[in-house]
Amino acid sequence: MAKSTFSNDDCDTTKYHTPIYVLQECISLQKKKSNDYQNPNSTIKQADYYPSGCLTILEIMHAKMLRMRSVMEAMQYDKNYYPNYESLEDSAKDLINYASFFVSFMRGGIDGQCDSNDFLNRKLN
């Protein structure tokens, strides 16, 4: 059997590349966007963006993944293609944040969420 030429020394394991650092970036991004989308001077609450609760969040995540796939296919088949707007990395971070919104909505923790509604934002009894 041939000896692998790969070693741990070949890996770039700087803090910037670790999953924990990515999650920290997502937290920072979520805080910044929150100030735009749920500004204290606005009557809009985060729950207002999700009229069907977790279903709406899941649909947003699905649309985000479709956009990512479209960009990836363009890049796969055209070596000169470069995304004009949102990068794959930006979209992946958005997905992480939407997944956290999904879990928070399931737990009743989204700002403006009605306690008398379920995870699909339907009235309970």
Protein backbone atom coordinates (compact mmCIF):
# COMPACT_ATOMS: atom_id res chain seq x y z
CA MET A 1 0.00 0.00 0.00
CA ALA A 2 1.28 3.42 -0.92
CA LYS A 3 2.02 5.78 1.91
CA SER A 4 -0.17 8.89 1.97
CA THR A 5 1.64 12.16 1.37
CA PHE A 6 -1.04 13.96 3.35
CA SER A 7 -0.27 15.09 6.88
CA ASN A 8 -1.99 17.25 9.44
CA ASP A 9 0.66 19.86 8.72
CA ASP A 10 -0.93 20.28 5.30
CA CYS A 11 -4.20 21.45 6.87
CA ASP A 12 -4.89 25.09 7.44
CA THR A 13 -6.65 24.95 10.79
CA THR A 14 -6.51 28.62 11.62
CA LYS A 15 -9.30 29.99 13.75
CA TYR A 16 -10.87 31.62 10.68
CA HIS A 17 -11.61 28.25 9.09
CA THR A 18 -13.18 26.42 12.05
CA PRO A 19 -16.91 25.68 12.32
CA ILE A 20 -17.09 27.53 15.66
CA TYR A 21 -15.67 30.67 14.04
CA VAL A 22 -18.23 30.36 11.22
CA LEU A 23 -21.01 30.17 13.81
CA GLN A 24 -19.61 33.28 15.50
CA GLU A 25 -19.69 35.06 12.14
CA CYS A 26 -23.32 33.99 11.74
CA ILE A 27 -24.19 35.42 15.16
CA SER A 28 -22.59 38.73 14.21
CA LEU A 29 -24.40 38.76 10.85
CA GLN A 30 -27.72 37.94 12.52
CA LYS A 31 -27.32 40.84 14.97
CA LYS A 32 -26.47 43.29 12.17
CA LYS A 33 -29.38 42.21 9.96
CA SER A 34 -31.73 42.28 12.94
CA ASN A 35 -31.03 45.98 13.37
CA ASP A 36 -32.09 46.54 9.75
CA TYR A 37 -35.10 44.22 9.62
CA GLN A 38 -36.45 44.75 13.15
CA ASN A 39 -35.21 48.22 13.87
CA PRO A 40 -36.32 49.61 17.25
CA ASN A 41 -37.96 52.51 15.37
CA SER A 42 -40.13 50.09 13.37
CA THR A 43 -43.32 48.29 14.38
CA ILE A 44 -42.18 45.19 12.45
CA LYS A 45 -41.23 42.20 14.61
CA GLN A 46 -39.26 39.19 13.41
CA ALA A 47 -42.34 36.94 13.61
CA ASP A 48 -44.08 39.20 11.06
CA TYR A 49 -41.79 37.78 8.36
CA TYR A 50 -43.13 34.26 8.96
CA PRO A 51 -46.93 34.29 8.51
CA SER A 52 -47.01 30.48 8.41
CA GLY A 53 -44.37 30.05 11.09
CA CYS A 54 -41.83 27.29 10.53
CA LEU A 55 -43.34 26.50 7.13
CA THR A 56 -42.47 30.00 5.90
CA ILE A 57 -38.94 29.68 7.30
CA LEU A 58 -38.54 26.30 5.59
CA GLU A 59 -39.71 27.80 2.29
CA ILE A 60 -37.19 30.64 2.64
CA MET A 61 -34.46 28.05 3.31
CA HIS A 62 -35.56 26.03 0.27
CA ALA A 63 -35.42 29.13 -1.97
CA LYS A 64 -31.96 29.96 -0.59
CA MET A 65 -30.75 26.42 -1.42
CA LEU A 66 -32.19 26.66 -4.93
CA ARG A 67 -30.27 29.90 -5.51
CA MET A 68 -27.11 28.25 -4.20
CA ARG A 69 -27.59 25.29 -6.51
CA SER A 70 -28.17 27.57 -9.49
CA VAL A 71 -24.95 29.46 -8.75
CA MET A 72 -23.02 26.22 -8.17
CA GLU A 73 -24.23 24.77 -11.48
CA ALA A 74 -23.27 27.98 -13.28
CA MET A 75 -19.81 27.79 -11.71
CA GLN A 76 -19.51 24.08 -12.45
CA TYR A 77 -20.21 24.46 -16.16
CA ASP A 78 -18.64 27.87 -16.79
CA LYS A 79 -15.16 28.33 -15.32
CA ASN A 80 -15.38 32.07 -15.98
CA TYR A 81 -18.66 32.52 -14.12
CA TYR A 82 -18.54 34.63 -10.97
CA PRO A 83 -21.68 35.35 -8.92
CA ASN A 84 -22.81 38.97 -9.26
CA TYR A 85 -24.39 39.37 -5.86
CA GLU A 86 -24.50 36.96 -2.97
CA SER A 87 -21.70 34.42 -2.67
CA LEU A 88 -22.19 30.77 -1.80
CA GLU A 89 -20.56 31.45 1.56
CA ASP A 90 -23.01 34.29 2.30
CA SER A 91 -25.93 32.06 1.36
CA ALA A 92 -24.66 29.22 3.55
CA LYS A 93 -24.38 31.61 6.51
CA ASP A 94 -27.94 32.76 5.84
CA LEU A 95 -29.06 29.12 5.90
CA ILE A 96 -27.39 28.62 9.27
CA ASN A 97 -29.24 31.65 10.61
CA TYR A 98 -32.57 30.56 9.14
CA ALA A 99 -32.08 27.15 10.75
CA SER A 100 -31.65 28.93 14.09
CA PHE A 101 -34.87 30.91 13.42
CA PHE A 102 -36.65 27.62 12.68
CA VAL A 103 -35.54 26.10 16.01
CA SER A 104 -36.37 29.32 17.87
CA PHE A 105 -39.84 29.48 16.32
CA MET A 106 -40.44 25.85 17.33
CA ARG A 107 -39.53 26.86 20.90
CA GLY A 108 -41.65 30.02 20.87
CA GLY A 109 -38.62 32.30 21.03
CA ILE A 110 -39.04 34.60 18.02
CA ASP A 111 -39.68 38.27 18.80
CA GLY A 112 -43.35 39.04 18.18
CA GLN A 113 -44.41 35.40 18.10
CA CYS A 114 -47.90 34.82 19.49
CA ASP A 115 -48.01 32.42 22.46
CA SER A 116 -51.52 31.32 21.46
CA ASN A 117 -50.31 30.03 18.06
CA ASP A 118 -48.51 26.81 17.17
CA PHE A 119 -45.26 26.36 15.21
CA LEU A 120 -47.17 26.89 11.94
CA ASN A 121 -48.64 30.09 13.37
CA ARG A 122 -52.12 28.53 13.62
CA LYS A 123 -54.37 29.52 16.49
CA LEU A 124 -54.42 26.97 19.29
CA ASN A 125 -57.95 26.06 20.45
